[in-house]
Amino acid sequence: MTLTNRWPLARHFLLSEFEEPGTHLVMVHPVLVQALDELREKYGHPIRISSGYRGAQHNADVGGVPNSLHLIGAAADLIETFGTLDLLYECTKQLPQLLVIREVDHLHVEVAANWL
């Protein structure tokens, strides 16, 4: 039997976009989903999630911090697919429910502590 997480989670995202690679396990915070859907509307272009939920082993394998919010489905890494990260970063900063860290090749977003 093949399991699938291809269920619509929000207007612009499927549950599978947040799952851990290889295991297909998924946990996702509802505030993260709502904020990313709002971000997609502001940005006006598709957004690719390169990393959503991570189990402890996967998190360690990719060099994630031990208390990463990826472990509870409250963080995601975003890859820009339209132009540059600049516009996506600026749109993300407009969402009070998210904290954003700009990395070299992606944005790390996580649910702000007061929204957890």
C-alpha atoms as a PDB file:
ATOM      1  CA  MET A   1       0.000   0.000   0.000  1.00  0.00           C
ATOM      2  CA  THR A   2       1.304   3.435  -0.916  1.00  0.00           C
ATOM      3  CA  LEU A   3       0.583   6.269   1.452  1.00  0.00           C
ATOM      4  CA  THR A   4       0.215   9.762   0.130  1.00  0.00           C
ATOM      5  CA  ASN A   5       0.083  13.183   1.680  1.00  0.00           C
ATOM      6  CA  ARG A   6      -1.205  14.887  -1.449  1.00  0.00           C
ATOM      7  CA  TRP A   7      -4.132  16.433   0.422  1.00  0.00           C
ATOM      8  CA  PRO A   8      -4.764  20.155   0.086  1.00  0.00           C
ATOM      9  CA  LEU A   9      -3.712  21.797   3.321  1.00  0.00           C
ATOM     10  CA  ALA A  10      -4.344  25.379   2.226  1.00  0.00           C
ATOM     11  CA  ARG A  11      -5.109  27.247  -0.948  1.00  0.00           C
ATOM     12  CA  HIS A  12      -1.524  27.049  -2.218  1.00  0.00           C
ATOM     13  CA  PHE A  13       0.011  24.087  -0.366  1.00  0.00           C
ATOM     14  CA  LEU A  14      -0.340  20.322  -0.117  1.00  0.00           C
ATOM     15  CA  LEU A  15       0.393  18.343   3.032  1.00  0.00           C
ATOM     16  CA  SER A  16       3.162  16.527   1.130  1.00  0.00           C
ATOM     17  CA  GLU A  17       5.140  19.755   0.768  1.00  0.00           C
ATOM     18  CA  PHE A  18       5.798  19.712   4.525  1.00  0.00           C
ATOM     19  CA  GLU A  19       6.716  16.022   4.888  1.00  0.00           C
ATOM     20  CA  GLU A  20      10.078  14.584   5.838  1.00  0.00           C
ATOM     21  CA  PRO A  21      11.886  13.192   2.771  1.00  0.00           C
ATOM     22  CA  GLY A  22      12.041   9.418   2.651  1.00  0.00           C
ATOM     23  CA  THR A  23       9.712   8.747   5.576  1.00  0.00           C
ATOM     24  CA  HIS A  24       6.702  10.769   4.403  1.00  0.00           C
ATOM     25  CA  LEU A  25       6.052  11.635   8.056  1.00  0.00           C
ATOM     26  CA  VAL A  26       4.611  15.067   8.540  1.00  0.00           C
ATOM     27  CA  MET A  27       3.748  17.434  11.320  1.00  0.00           C
ATOM     28  CA  VAL A  28       2.863  21.026  10.573  1.00  0.00           C
ATOM     29  CA  HIS A  29       1.763  23.904  12.769  1.00  0.00           C
ATOM     30  CA  PRO A  30      -1.480  25.541  11.550  1.00  0.00           C
ATOM     31  CA  VAL A  31      -0.048  29.054  11.994  1.00  0.00           C
ATOM     32  CA  LEU A  32       2.832  28.144   9.656  1.00  0.00           C
ATOM     33  CA  VAL A  33       0.399  26.941   6.998  1.00  0.00           C
ATOM     34  CA  GLN A  34      -1.782  30.040   7.287  1.00  0.00           C
ATOM     35  CA  ALA A  35       1.228  32.362   7.178  1.00  0.00           C
ATOM     36  CA  LEU A  36       2.778  30.646   4.158  1.00  0.00           C
ATOM     37  CA  ASP A  37      -0.533  30.794   2.312  1.00  0.00           C
ATOM     38  CA  GLU A  38      -0.702  34.522   3.099  1.00  0.00           C
ATOM     39  CA  LEU A  39       2.910  34.896   1.984  1.00  0.00           C
ATOM     40  CA  ARG A  40       2.098  33.216  -1.331  1.00  0.00           C
ATOM     41  CA  GLU A  41      -0.699  35.736  -1.893  1.00  0.00           C
ATOM     42  CA  LYS A  42       1.584  38.697  -1.099  1.00  0.00           C
ATOM     43  CA  TYR A  43       4.441  37.324  -3.204  1.00  0.00           C
ATOM     44  CA  GLY A  44       2.235  36.494  -6.184  1.00  0.00           C
ATOM     45  CA  HIS A  45       4.343  33.524  -7.341  1.00  0.00           C
ATOM     46  CA  PRO A  46       4.795  29.885  -6.333  1.00  0.00           C
ATOM     47  CA  ILE A  47       6.995  29.186  -3.318  1.00  0.00           C
ATOM     48  CA  ARG A  48       8.867  25.910  -2.905  1.00  0.00           C
ATOM     49  CA  ILE A  49       9.368  24.407   0.531  1.00  0.00           C
ATOM     50  CA  SER A  50      12.741  22.671   0.545  1.00  0.00           C
ATOM     51  CA  SER A  51      12.464  21.466   4.142  1.00  0.00           C
ATOM     52  CA  GLY A  52       9.438  21.256   6.400  1.00  0.00           C
ATOM     53  CA  TYR A  53       9.030  18.681   9.134  1.00  0.00           C
ATOM     54  CA  ARG A  54      12.194  16.886  10.228  1.00  0.00           C
ATOM     55  CA  GLY A  55      12.546  13.948  12.569  1.00  0.00           C
ATOM     56  CA  ALA A  56      15.443  14.080  15.020  1.00  0.00           C
ATOM     57  CA  GLN A  57      17.779  11.948  12.889  1.00  0.00           C
ATOM     58  CA  HIS A  58      17.097  13.855   9.674  1.00  0.00           C
ATOM     59  CA  ASN A  59      17.519  17.145  11.525  1.00  0.00           C
ATOM     60  CA  ALA A  60      20.913  16.007  12.840  1.00  0.00           C
ATOM     61  CA  ASP A  61      21.929  14.712   9.386  1.00  0.00           C
ATOM     62  CA  VAL A  62      21.316  18.124   7.788  1.00  0.00           C
ATOM     63  CA  GLY A  63      23.070  20.016  10.584  1.00  0.00           C
ATOM     64  CA  GLY A  64      19.922  21.404  12.197  1.00  0.00           C
ATOM     65  CA  VAL A  65      20.087  22.742  15.733  1.00  0.00           C
ATOM     66  CA  PRO A  66      18.856  20.329  18.440  1.00  0.00           C
ATOM     67  CA  ASN A  67      15.894  22.542  19.374  1.00  0.00           C
ATOM     68  CA  SER A  68      14.893  23.326  15.772  1.00  0.00           C
ATOM     69  CA  LEU A  69      11.249  24.196  15.220  1.00  0.00           C
ATOM     70  CA  HIS A  70      11.401  21.875  12.184  1.00  0.00           C
ATOM     71  CA  LEU A  71      11.119  19.069  14.778  1.00  0.00           C
ATOM     72  CA  ILE A  72       7.581  20.150  15.675  1.00  0.00           C
ATOM     73  CA  GLY A  73       6.474  21.299  12.227  1.00  0.00           C
ATOM     74  CA  ALA A  74       6.714  24.994  13.069  1.00  0.00           C
ATOM     75  CA  ALA A  75       9.481  25.903  10.596  1.00  0.00           C
ATOM     76  CA  ALA A  76      10.168  25.631   6.892  1.00  0.00           C
ATOM     77  CA  ASP A  77      12.954  26.471   4.493  1.00  0.00           C
ATOM     78  CA  LEU A  78      11.823  28.263   1.360  1.00  0.00           C
ATOM     79  CA  ILE A  79      13.478  28.362  -2.042  1.00  0.00           C
ATOM     80  CA  GLU A  80      12.677  31.212  -4.383  1.00  0.00           C
ATOM     81  CA  THR A  81      11.448  30.023  -7.772  1.00  0.00           C
ATOM     82  CA  PHE A  82      10.636  33.280  -9.538  1.00  0.00           C
ATOM     83  CA  GLY A  83      13.398  35.878  -9.334  1.00  0.00           C
ATOM     84  CA  THR A  84      15.600  36.584  -6.358  1.00  0.00           C
ATOM     85  CA  LEU A  85      15.241  35.956  -2.646  1.00  0.00           C
ATOM     86  CA  ASP A  86      14.998  39.712  -2.057  1.00  0.00           C
ATOM     87  CA  LEU A  87      11.307  40.093  -2.880  1.00  0.00           C
ATOM     88  CA  LEU A  88      10.345  36.901  -1.062  1.00  0.00           C
ATOM     89  CA  TYR A  89      12.334  38.069   1.972  1.00  0.00           C
ATOM     90  CA  GLU A  90      10.625  41.473   1.972  1.00  0.00           C
ATOM     91  CA  CYS A  91       7.177  39.884   1.733  1.00  0.00           C
ATOM     92  CA  THR A  92       8.010  37.491   4.565  1.00  0.00           C
ATOM     93  CA  LYS A  93       9.045  40.332   6.864  1.00  0.00           C
ATOM     94  CA  GLN A  94       5.476  41.704   6.588  1.00  0.00           C
ATOM     95  CA  LEU A  95       4.020  38.697   8.439  1.00  0.00           C
ATOM     96  CA  PRO A  96       4.137  39.191  12.237  1.00  0.00           C
ATOM     97  CA  GLN A  97       3.478  35.531  12.947  1.00  0.00           C
ATOM     98  CA  LEU A  98       6.779  34.504  11.308  1.00  0.00           C
ATOM     99  CA  LEU A  99      10.423  35.024  12.096  1.00  0.00           C
ATOM    100  CA  VAL A 100      12.631  34.912   9.019  1.00  0.00           C
ATOM    101  CA  ILE A 101      16.344  34.243   8.633  1.00  0.00           C
ATOM    102  CA  ARG A 102      17.915  34.828   5.270  1.00  0.00           C
ATOM    103  CA  GLU A 103      20.459  32.172   4.363  1.00  0.00           C
ATOM    104  CA  VAL A 104      22.653  32.149   1.255  1.00  0.00           C
ATOM    105  CA  ASP A 105      20.306  30.034  -0.870  1.00  0.00           C
ATOM    106  CA  HIS A 106      17.011  29.963   1.057  1.00  0.00           C
ATOM    107  CA  LEU A 107      14.866  31.590   3.693  1.00  0.00           C
ATOM    108  CA  HIS A 108      14.290  29.878   7.015  1.00  0.00           C
ATOM    109  CA  VAL A 109      10.885  30.827   8.431  1.00  0.00           C
ATOM    110  CA  GLU A 110       9.462  29.792  11.744  1.00  0.00           C
ATOM    111  CA  VAL A 111       6.407  30.509  13.821  1.00  0.00           C
ATOM    112  CA  ALA A 112       7.143  33.368  16.230  1.00  0.00           C
ATOM    113  CA  ALA A 113       7.134  32.340  19.887  1.00  0.00           C
ATOM    114  CA  ASN A 114       3.978  34.299  20.723  1.00  0.00           C
ATOM    115  CA  TRP A 115       2.100  32.389  17.981  1.00  0.00           C
ATOM    116  CA  LEU A 116       3.177  28.871  19.055  1.00  0.00           C
END
